[in-house]
Every structure is written in structure tokens, then in C-alpha cells.
Amino acid sequence: MKVKGCCLILFLYLSLIRALLADEIPSDLKSTLPPPELTAKTWILMDYHTGWVLASKDPDTPIEPASLSKIMTTYVVFREIKNGTIKLDDMVHISKKAWKTGGSRMFIEVDTKVSVEDLLKGVIVQSGNDAAVALAEHVAGSEEAFAGRMNEYGRKLGLSSSNFTNATGLPHPENLSSARDLSLVTAATIKEFPDYYKWYSQKEFTYNNITQPNRNKLLYRDPSADGVKTGYTKSAGYCLVGSAQRDGMRLIASVTGTKSGGLRTREVQALLAYGFSSYKSIKLAERGSAIDQIKVFMGDQKQVGIGVAEDLYFIAPPEQENNIRAVVDAPPSTVAPLAAGQELASLSVMLGDKQLAQVPLSAISAVGEGSWWEQAIDYVLLWFE
């Protein structure tokens, strides 16, 4: 229940943001600069903080994700660790099926035991299909049952074009995802598991005296890049989900179906360069910080701070950056008791005189009832409010 509750909270939050802001960047904030021309079959450039799509081509078209499936594989394992179902130091028995799995490998050996942490690094850095199967069997008993969990979590994250049939991404006619869905799983991983996400920036990993480099060449070419994952099969072509962060702005770029490994890297680089040069990130409000104060009657405190439930970001072209402002609409006073997180006001995001979005503002701390004497005084004062 703990995992389901946490996933539900994340899904509801993402749904709220999408409802308020929509998936595409508002036309008033869209850069006049055209995106780069790419050869990829499908692609998308997404701003991490807002979820806005800055540019795309067929982002919801189902495609064969190849090893990009492993982004969802590791997400499921991370969730199980957080839930306490498994631990990083669990020793996983390597089955014959895992050992025999073809394609890229970590080179684990049958009937040995390998820690969950090492297997995760084997999946993330080395793209080990054998490690992915071993983790799937450890979490769910079989790879087939694990694929069911991948789809369950996918539904909770709002993935609309995905159906996972295995943990590896090896070809299967029903193993499908999309550029948008893979970007959404990536965003969820970064948000929920920053301590584990750092492994996506690891440039090599050694296991069984075999050192393998990370196949994501973006890590070697762009110092601001810190992930994410490559994929390739003959039928899927060369695919890459990349993410980078500059000056507080994080972008996620996904390309699928390119004709070479070098081309997928260059096209993700081109998307990231376009995004960082065409837009600026604006942090309008920080979670836990009071944006404003409301006077409180009948309480053990005389005022309460109000703020947002999550950090609130907007993006805009550089020429529009200074035109974005936040306007608070709050009552002059309220009455105790108040619960932390209780909605009390709203914040409008404005571009000039046009409202772009409105988000709730809630009490950042609880306010209890005051003493009988304080309540008596405030009762009188309320008549003059």
C-alpha cells in the first residue's frame, strides 16, 4: 500500500500540473526559433520542471523501445527498494535463464549471487540484459510477472502508449513505448530517486574483472549531461534518451529510430542545445517557503505562511523572461484551527495582463486554537474586521 500511495500522489501531482499547464508550451511563450531538423523516426524535447513539450515529432507513436525499456525496469526496482520489498545489498541468485539471456551483457555467471546494487549498475551502465532478467526474477519471481509490474507502474505514471512484455527490451511484437512515455519515466526517476539516478552518469562499471564503458556517448561530449540510456536493435534502430542541466534548467530529449549510434547522440545534442538557447527557466515559488502571510484569528499564532506544494517553475524565451510574474490572491484573514497543507489562497502566473496558470497556495504549518482568552479577544476583533 505504501508504494501505491506514493505513486498515486506523484501521479496526481503530475496530473495537476498537466491540467494547469497542458502538455505543450503555451503559444505566448513559444520560442520563435525553429527546432533542429532531425532524421529520427520519433523525438521529443521536454522541460523537466514543467513537463512542457518544447518541440516534437510523433511523440506518442508506439515504437520498439529496445534497451530504453530498462529505464522502466530500473524504475520498478527503485520503487520496490523504497517500499522495503527488496534491499540494495540483497544477494540475487543468478538463474540459468538470466545467465543465457542474449544481447548486451554484464557477464554474471549461473548459480552465483550478485547484489541488487551491482545488478542495477550492470543494467544502467553496461545495459546488461542478463542483469535485467536477474532483477526481474528477484523482484517478481519471473520476468513475465515483472513485466506486469512495469505496466502497472506505467499506468500510474500516465503512460499512454506503452506496453512492456519483458525487462530487457529485446524484440517482441507487443513490447512498445513512445518518445513521450520514455521521457515521462525518466522525469519520474529523476524526481523520485535522485540518489539512484546518479548511476546514469557513471561512465564505466567493472564486474567479474570486466570493465565496460557506458554506451551513452552524450556523457563524454556534454559536461552538463547526466544520463540517461541508449537502445539498439536492428528493428528499432538507434535510440537515446538524454538529460542535461544548466543554470537550474533541466531538459529531457528522446530520439528513436536513427541510423547510427553517432547520429542519435548528435541529434539529442542538437535538441538540448536548441532548448537551452531558446528558453530560460524561472523559479516562481519554492516548496516550504512562505510566499505571503495571512492574518489568523482565534489561533495560537497570529499569522500563517502560505506556499506551494511543489517547486513552481515556468520557462520562457529570453525576451519574455522578465514579463513573467506571480500574483497572490489571498483573503486578508482566516480563522483557526488550520491544518498544514490546507488550501487558503491561490497564485496566478501572469504574462503581462494574461493569466497563464493558477495554482493553489496552502498553509505551510498548522495553527492550533488559541486559549479561551485569546479566542475571546479575537471574537470581538472579528466584528471590526
Protein backbone atom coordinates (compact mmCIF):
# COMPACT_ATOMS: atom_id res chain seq x y z
CA MET A 1 0.00 0.00 0.00
CA LYS A 2 2.87 2.37 0.72
CA VAL A 3 4.19 2.12 -2.87
CA LYS A 4 0.73 2.52 -4.37
CA GLY A 5 0.06 5.56 -2.21
CA CYS A 6 3.35 7.23 -3.12
CA CYS A 7 2.85 6.54 -6.81
CA LEU A 8 -0.72 7.84 -6.60
CA ILE A 9 0.49 11.08 -5.00
CA LEU A 10 3.10 11.55 -7.75
CA PHE A 11 0.56 10.73 -10.46
CA LEU A 12 -1.98 13.16 -9.02
CA TYR A 13 0.66 15.88 -8.79
CA LEU A 14 1.78 15.32 -12.39
CA SER A 15 -1.87 15.26 -13.47
CA LEU A 16 -2.49 18.56 -11.68
CA ILE A 17 0.47 20.24 -13.31
CA ARG A 18 -0.59 18.96 -16.74
CA ALA A 19 -4.15 20.12 -16.15
CA LEU A 20 -2.93 23.57 -15.16
CA LEU A 21 -0.21 23.99 -17.72
CA ALA A 22 -1.10 21.49 -20.50
CA ASP A 23 1.50 19.30 -22.22
CA GLU A 24 2.57 21.80 -24.84
CA ILE A 25 4.20 25.11 -24.02
CA PRO A 26 1.64 27.94 -24.33
CA SER A 27 1.79 29.71 -27.68
CA ASP A 28 2.53 33.01 -25.91
CA LEU A 29 5.74 31.50 -24.54
CA LYS A 30 6.84 29.50 -27.56
CA SER A 31 10.20 30.45 -29.00
CA THR A 32 10.19 31.94 -32.46
CA LEU A 33 13.33 29.95 -33.25
CA PRO A 34 12.62 26.73 -35.17
CA PRO A 35 13.79 23.40 -33.70
CA PRO A 36 16.58 21.49 -35.46
CA GLU A 37 15.80 19.20 -38.37
CA LEU A 38 16.32 15.58 -37.30
CA THR A 39 16.34 12.21 -39.01
CA ALA A 40 14.95 10.31 -36.01
CA LYS A 41 11.72 8.40 -36.52
CA THR A 42 10.14 9.99 -33.45
CA TRP A 43 11.52 12.53 -30.99
CA ILE A 44 10.63 14.92 -28.19
CA LEU A 45 12.22 17.72 -26.19
CA MET A 46 10.66 18.18 -22.74
CA ASP A 47 11.28 20.63 -19.93
CA TYR A 48 11.67 18.60 -16.74
CA HIS A 49 10.19 21.04 -14.22
CA THR A 50 7.00 21.98 -16.09
CA GLY A 51 6.56 18.88 -18.22
CA TRP A 52 6.07 21.15 -21.23
CA VAL A 53 6.95 19.78 -24.65
CA LEU A 54 9.14 22.34 -26.40
CA ALA A 55 9.34 20.51 -29.72
CA SER A 56 8.45 17.05 -31.00
CA LYS A 57 7.72 14.76 -33.91
CA ASP A 58 5.19 11.93 -33.43
CA PRO A 59 5.97 11.70 -29.69
CA ASP A 60 3.03 9.35 -28.96
CA THR A 61 3.60 6.95 -31.85
CA PRO A 62 4.26 3.46 -30.39
CA ILE A 63 7.79 2.34 -31.18
CA GLU A 64 10.04 -0.57 -30.26
CA PRO A 65 11.98 0.85 -27.30
CA ALA A 66 14.85 -1.67 -27.30
CA SER A 67 17.03 -1.13 -24.20
CA LEU A 68 15.22 2.11 -23.36
CA SER A 69 12.76 -0.33 -21.72
CA LYS A 70 15.35 -0.63 -18.96
CA ILE A 71 14.52 2.89 -17.77
CA MET A 72 11.19 1.43 -16.67
CA THR A 73 12.88 -1.75 -15.41
CA THR A 74 15.11 0.21 -13.06
CA TYR A 75 12.22 2.50 -12.03
CA VAL A 76 10.27 -0.55 -10.85
CA VAL A 77 13.28 -1.85 -8.91
CA PHE A 78 13.82 1.57 -7.31
CA ARG A 79 10.17 1.62 -6.22
CA GLU A 80 10.49 -1.84 -4.68
CA ILE A 81 13.58 -0.73 -2.77
CA LYS A 82 11.75 2.33 -1.47
CA ASN A 83 8.83 0.14 -0.44
CA GLY A 84 11.18 -2.13 1.51
CA THR A 85 10.33 -5.21 -0.57
CA ILE A 86 13.98 -5.62 -1.56
CA LYS A 87 17.26 -4.01 -0.50
CA LEU A 88 20.36 -2.83 -2.34
CA ASP A 89 22.51 -5.37 -0.50
CA ASP A 90 20.21 -8.33 -1.26
CA MET A 91 22.19 -11.12 -2.88
CA VAL A 92 20.37 -12.31 -6.00
CA HIS A 93 20.68 -15.90 -7.21
CA ILE A 94 21.52 -15.97 -10.91
CA SER A 95 19.28 -18.37 -12.80
CA LYS A 96 20.16 -20.22 -15.96
CA LYS A 97 17.63 -18.10 -17.85
CA ALA A 98 19.26 -14.85 -16.73
CA TRP A 99 22.75 -16.17 -17.50
CA LYS A 100 21.72 -17.28 -21.01
CA THR A 101 19.95 -14.06 -21.98
CA GLY A 102 21.49 -12.75 -25.21
CA GLY A 103 22.46 -9.28 -26.36
CA SER A 104 24.44 -6.86 -24.23
CA ARG A 105 25.60 -8.49 -21.01
CA MET A 106 27.03 -7.82 -17.57
CA PHE A 107 28.64 -11.29 -17.68
CA ILE A 108 27.12 -12.66 -14.50
CA GLU A 109 27.54 -16.40 -14.00
CA VAL A 110 24.87 -19.01 -13.41
CA ASP A 111 24.30 -20.17 -9.79
CA THR A 112 26.31 -17.29 -8.34
CA LYS A 113 24.93 -14.49 -6.19
CA VAL A 114 25.17 -10.81 -7.11
CA SER A 115 23.95 -7.81 -5.11
CA VAL A 116 20.96 -5.79 -6.26
CA GLU A 117 23.17 -2.69 -6.38
CA ASP A 118 25.69 -4.33 -8.70
CA LEU A 119 22.91 -5.64 -10.93
CA LEU A 120 21.39 -2.17 -11.15
CA LYS A 121 24.73 -0.74 -12.24
CA GLY A 122 25.05 -3.61 -14.68
CA VAL A 123 21.69 -2.64 -16.22
CA ILE A 124 22.26 1.12 -16.18
CA VAL A 125 25.92 1.39 -17.18
CA GLN A 126 26.52 -1.83 -19.11
CA SER A 127 22.95 -2.30 -20.40
CA GLY A 128 23.16 -5.92 -19.25
CA ASN A 129 20.19 -7.98 -20.37
CA ASP A 130 21.31 -10.77 -18.05
CA ALA A 131 21.26 -8.36 -15.10
CA ALA A 132 17.79 -7.08 -16.06
CA VAL A 133 16.36 -10.60 -16.06
CA ALA A 134 18.04 -11.43 -12.74
CA LEU A 135 16.49 -8.33 -11.13
CA ALA A 136 13.09 -9.10 -12.63
CA GLU A 137 13.14 -12.63 -11.21
CA HIS A 138 14.28 -11.38 -7.81
CA VAL A 139 11.51 -8.76 -7.60
CA ALA A 140 8.57 -10.66 -9.06
CA GLY A 141 9.54 -14.33 -9.33
CA SER A 142 9.59 -14.32 -13.12
CA GLU A 143 10.27 -11.92 -15.95
CA GLU A 144 6.66 -12.23 -17.12
CA ALA A 145 5.30 -11.22 -13.71
CA PHE A 146 7.79 -8.35 -13.56
CA ALA A 147 6.55 -7.05 -16.92
CA GLY A 148 3.11 -6.90 -15.35
CA ARG A 149 4.51 -4.64 -12.65
CA MET A 150 6.15 -2.46 -15.29
CA ASN A 151 2.75 -1.95 -16.89
CA GLU A 152 1.08 -1.32 -13.53
CA TYR A 153 3.56 1.42 -12.67
CA GLY A 154 3.29 2.74 -16.22
CA ARG A 155 -0.45 3.25 -15.80
CA LYS A 156 0.11 5.12 -12.53
CA LEU A 157 2.60 7.40 -14.25
CA GLY A 158 0.12 8.13 -17.01
CA LEU A 159 1.95 6.37 -19.84
CA SER A 160 -0.47 6.18 -22.75
CA SER A 161 1.48 4.40 -25.50
CA SER A 162 3.43 1.74 -23.59
CA ASN A 163 3.07 -1.99 -23.10
CA PHE A 164 6.06 -3.84 -21.66
CA THR A 165 6.47 -7.58 -22.15
CA ASN A 166 10.00 -8.05 -20.79
CA ALA A 167 12.64 -6.39 -18.64
CA THR A 168 15.32 -6.16 -21.33
CA GLY A 169 13.74 -4.53 -24.35
CA LEU A 170 14.67 -7.48 -26.56
CA PRO A 171 12.38 -7.57 -29.61
CA HIS A 172 8.78 -8.64 -29.03
CA PRO A 173 5.86 -7.51 -31.18
CA GLU A 174 3.92 -6.27 -28.14
CA ASN A 175 6.82 -4.58 -26.33
CA LEU A 176 6.08 -0.94 -27.14
CA SER A 177 6.59 2.55 -25.79
CA SER A 178 6.91 6.10 -27.14
CA ALA A 179 9.26 9.04 -27.00
CA ARG A 180 6.89 10.88 -24.65
CA ASP A 181 6.35 7.91 -22.32
CA LEU A 182 10.08 7.23 -22.02
CA SER A 183 10.66 10.90 -21.18
CA LEU A 184 7.95 10.75 -18.51
CA VAL A 185 9.51 7.68 -16.86
CA THR A 186 12.86 9.45 -16.95
CA ALA A 187 11.36 12.54 -15.28
CA ALA A 188 9.77 10.38 -12.58
CA THR A 189 13.10 8.64 -11.94
CA ILE A 190 14.94 11.94 -11.57
CA LYS A 191 12.27 13.37 -9.28
CA GLU A 192 11.74 10.36 -7.03
CA PHE A 193 15.18 8.76 -6.93
CA PRO A 194 17.96 11.36 -7.25
CA ASP A 195 20.37 9.18 -5.26
CA TYR A 196 19.91 6.30 -7.71
CA TYR A 197 19.63 8.45 -10.82
CA LYS A 198 23.28 9.46 -10.38
CA TRP A 199 24.27 5.99 -11.62
CA TYR A 200 23.04 7.02 -15.07
CA SER A 201 26.02 9.41 -15.26
CA GLN A 202 28.56 6.70 -14.38
CA LYS A 203 30.91 6.30 -17.34
CA GLU A 204 32.07 2.75 -16.68
CA PHE A 205 31.45 -0.22 -14.41
CA THR A 206 33.58 -3.23 -13.63
CA TYR A 207 32.16 -6.63 -12.74
CA ASN A 208 33.80 -10.04 -12.87
CA ASN A 209 37.07 -8.28 -13.81
CA ILE A 210 35.42 -6.97 -16.96
CA THR A 211 35.20 -3.18 -17.35
CA GLN A 212 32.61 -1.88 -19.77
CA PRO A 213 32.06 1.77 -20.73
CA ASN A 214 28.69 3.46 -20.67
CA ARG A 215 27.22 3.34 -24.19
CA ASN A 216 25.78 6.83 -23.76
CA LYS A 217 28.36 8.96 -25.60
CA LEU A 218 26.48 12.10 -24.58
CA LEU A 219 28.16 11.78 -21.17
CA TYR A 220 31.57 12.19 -22.80
CA ARG A 221 30.60 15.08 -25.09
CA ASP A 222 28.47 17.33 -22.89
CA PRO A 223 29.61 18.11 -19.33
CA SER A 224 26.08 19.19 -18.41
CA ALA A 225 24.62 15.78 -19.37
CA ASP A 226 24.00 13.25 -16.60
CA GLY A 227 22.06 10.49 -18.37
CA VAL A 228 20.20 8.60 -19.48
CA LYS A 229 20.06 5.44 -21.66
CA THR A 230 20.80 4.12 -25.11
CA GLY A 231 18.97 1.42 -27.02
CA TYR A 232 19.52 -0.55 -30.20
CA THR A 233 18.10 -3.48 -32.09
CA LYS A 234 18.09 -3.99 -35.83
CA SER A 235 14.35 -3.41 -36.00
CA ALA A 236 14.27 -0.44 -33.57
CA GLY A 237 17.32 1.38 -34.87
CA TYR A 238 19.49 3.51 -32.60
CA CYS A 239 17.67 5.26 -29.77
CA LEU A 240 18.69 7.57 -26.93
CA VAL A 241 17.08 9.35 -24.00
CA GLY A 242 19.37 12.14 -22.81
CA SER A 243 19.10 14.63 -19.98
CA ALA A 244 21.19 17.66 -19.06
CA GLN A 245 21.01 20.50 -16.56
CA ARG A 246 22.27 24.06 -16.98
CA ASP A 247 21.63 27.11 -14.79
CA GLY A 248 18.81 25.41 -12.91
CA MET A 249 17.04 24.27 -16.08
CA ARG A 250 16.80 20.56 -16.88
CA LEU A 251 15.78 19.21 -20.27
CA ILE A 252 14.98 15.67 -21.38
CA ALA A 253 15.46 14.78 -25.07
CA SER A 254 14.45 11.44 -26.59
CA VAL A 255 15.10 10.23 -30.13
CA THR A 256 14.18 6.86 -31.63
CA GLY A 257 14.91 5.08 -34.88
CA THR A 258 18.11 6.80 -36.02
CA LYS A 259 20.55 5.05 -38.32
CA SER A 260 23.71 5.06 -36.16
CA GLY A 261 24.97 5.47 -32.65
CA GLY A 262 26.76 8.67 -33.54
CA LEU A 263 23.66 10.13 -35.13
CA ARG A 264 21.45 9.50 -32.08
CA THR A 265 23.99 11.34 -29.91
CA ARG A 266 24.26 14.29 -32.28
CA GLU A 267 20.50 14.64 -32.58
CA VAL A 268 19.97 14.61 -28.81
CA GLN A 269 22.79 17.16 -28.51
CA ALA A 270 21.06 19.32 -31.10
CA LEU A 271 17.76 19.19 -29.23
CA LEU A 272 19.40 20.07 -25.92
CA ALA A 273 21.36 22.94 -27.48
CA TYR A 274 18.15 24.27 -29.02
CA GLY A 275 16.27 24.09 -25.73
CA PHE A 276 18.93 25.74 -23.60
CA SER A 277 19.49 28.55 -26.09
CA SER A 278 15.80 29.20 -26.81
CA TYR A 279 14.37 29.16 -23.28
CA LYS A 280 15.15 30.27 -19.75
CA SER A 281 13.89 28.61 -16.57
CA ILE A 282 12.12 30.78 -13.99
CA LYS A 283 11.59 29.55 -10.43
CA LEU A 284 8.49 31.34 -9.20
CA ALA A 285 7.98 29.63 -5.85
CA GLU A 286 9.82 27.14 -3.65
CA ARG A 287 8.16 24.35 -1.73
CA GLY A 288 8.11 25.02 2.02
CA SER A 289 8.82 28.74 1.69
CA ALA A 290 6.20 31.33 2.58
CA ILE A 291 5.16 33.44 -0.39
CA ASP A 292 2.85 35.54 1.75
CA GLN A 293 1.28 35.69 5.21
CA ILE A 294 -2.40 35.60 6.19
CA LYS A 295 -3.66 37.02 9.48
CA VAL A 296 -5.16 34.34 11.77
CA PHE A 297 -7.95 34.86 14.33
CA MET A 298 -8.79 32.51 17.22
CA GLY A 299 -5.43 30.74 16.91
CA ASP A 300 -2.26 30.12 18.89
CA GLN A 301 -0.44 32.06 16.15
CA LYS A 302 -1.37 35.45 14.74
CA GLN A 303 -0.48 34.66 11.14
CA VAL A 304 0.29 31.72 8.88
CA GLY A 305 2.62 31.45 5.91
CA ILE A 306 1.20 30.22 2.61
CA GLY A 307 3.12 28.47 -0.14
CA VAL A 308 3.10 25.87 -2.93
CA ALA A 309 3.05 22.10 -2.50
CA GLU A 310 5.87 21.66 -5.04
CA ASP A 311 8.50 23.96 -6.52
CA LEU A 312 6.84 26.04 -9.22
CA TYR A 313 8.79 26.69 -12.40
CA PHE A 314 7.95 28.34 -15.68
CA ILE A 315 10.02 28.69 -18.81
CA ALA A 316 10.01 31.40 -21.41
CA PRO A 317 12.15 32.70 -24.27
CA PRO A 318 14.86 35.08 -23.00
CA GLU A 319 12.98 38.10 -24.38
CA GLN A 320 9.88 37.15 -22.33
CA GLU A 321 11.66 36.16 -19.12
CA ASN A 322 11.13 39.49 -17.34
CA ASN A 323 7.46 39.62 -18.30
CA ILE A 324 6.51 36.57 -16.20
CA ARG A 325 5.21 37.44 -12.75
CA ALA A 326 3.37 35.75 -9.89
CA VAL A 327 0.30 37.38 -8.32
CA VAL A 328 -1.11 36.15 -4.99
CA ASP A 329 -4.87 36.18 -4.41
CA ALA A 330 -5.39 35.67 -0.65
CA PRO A 331 -8.01 36.67 1.89
CA PRO A 332 -6.91 39.28 4.45
CA SER A 333 -7.55 36.86 7.31
CA THR A 334 -8.73 33.39 8.29
CA VAL A 335 -9.83 31.54 11.42
CA ALA A 336 -8.03 28.76 13.32
CA PRO A 337 -7.65 25.86 13.57
CA LEU A 338 -5.71 25.28 10.35
CA ALA A 339 -4.02 22.11 9.12
CA ALA A 340 -0.67 22.14 7.38
CA GLY A 341 -1.37 21.87 3.66
CA GLN A 342 -4.86 23.33 3.94
CA GLU A 343 -5.66 25.36 0.84
CA LEU A 344 -6.12 29.03 1.69
CA ALA A 345 -5.33 31.09 -1.39
CA SER A 346 -4.11 30.93 -4.99
CA LEU A 347 -1.25 32.14 -7.11
CA SER A 348 -1.74 33.33 -10.68
CA VAL A 349 1.11 33.21 -13.16
CA MET A 350 0.82 36.19 -15.45
CA LEU A 351 2.37 37.21 -18.75
CA GLY A 352 1.61 40.90 -18.81
CA ASP A 353 -2.15 41.05 -18.19
CA LYS A 354 -2.80 37.49 -19.36
CA GLN A 355 -3.19 34.66 -16.85
CA LEU A 356 -1.20 31.60 -17.89
CA ALA A 357 -1.99 29.37 -14.92
CA GLN A 358 -3.37 29.35 -11.41
CA VAL A 359 -2.10 27.10 -8.61
CA PRO A 360 -3.30 26.67 -5.02
CA LEU A 361 -1.47 28.11 -2.03
CA SER A 362 -1.68 26.22 1.25
CA ALA A 363 -0.73 26.72 4.88
CA ILE A 364 2.91 25.72 5.32
CA SER A 365 2.36 24.94 9.02
CA ALA A 366 -0.54 24.04 11.28
CA VAL A 367 -2.20 26.62 13.54
CA GLY A 368 -3.98 25.36 16.64
CA GLU A 369 -6.76 27.01 18.57
CA GLY A 370 -5.74 29.79 20.91
CA SER A 371 -6.51 29.98 24.62
CA TRP A 372 -10.03 30.93 25.70
CA TRP A 373 -8.80 34.44 26.44
CA GLU A 374 -7.16 34.82 23.01
CA GLN A 375 -10.29 33.48 21.34
CA ALA A 376 -12.49 35.87 23.31
CA ILE A 377 -10.41 38.86 22.24
CA ASP A 378 -10.31 37.72 18.61
CA TYR A 379 -14.06 37.11 18.64
CA VAL A 380 -14.54 40.78 19.41
CA LEU A 381 -11.92 41.89 16.89
CA LEU A 382 -13.62 39.86 14.17
CA TRP A 383 -16.60 42.20 14.38
CA PHE A 384 -14.38 45.02 13.16
CA GLU A 385 -12.52 43.01 10.50
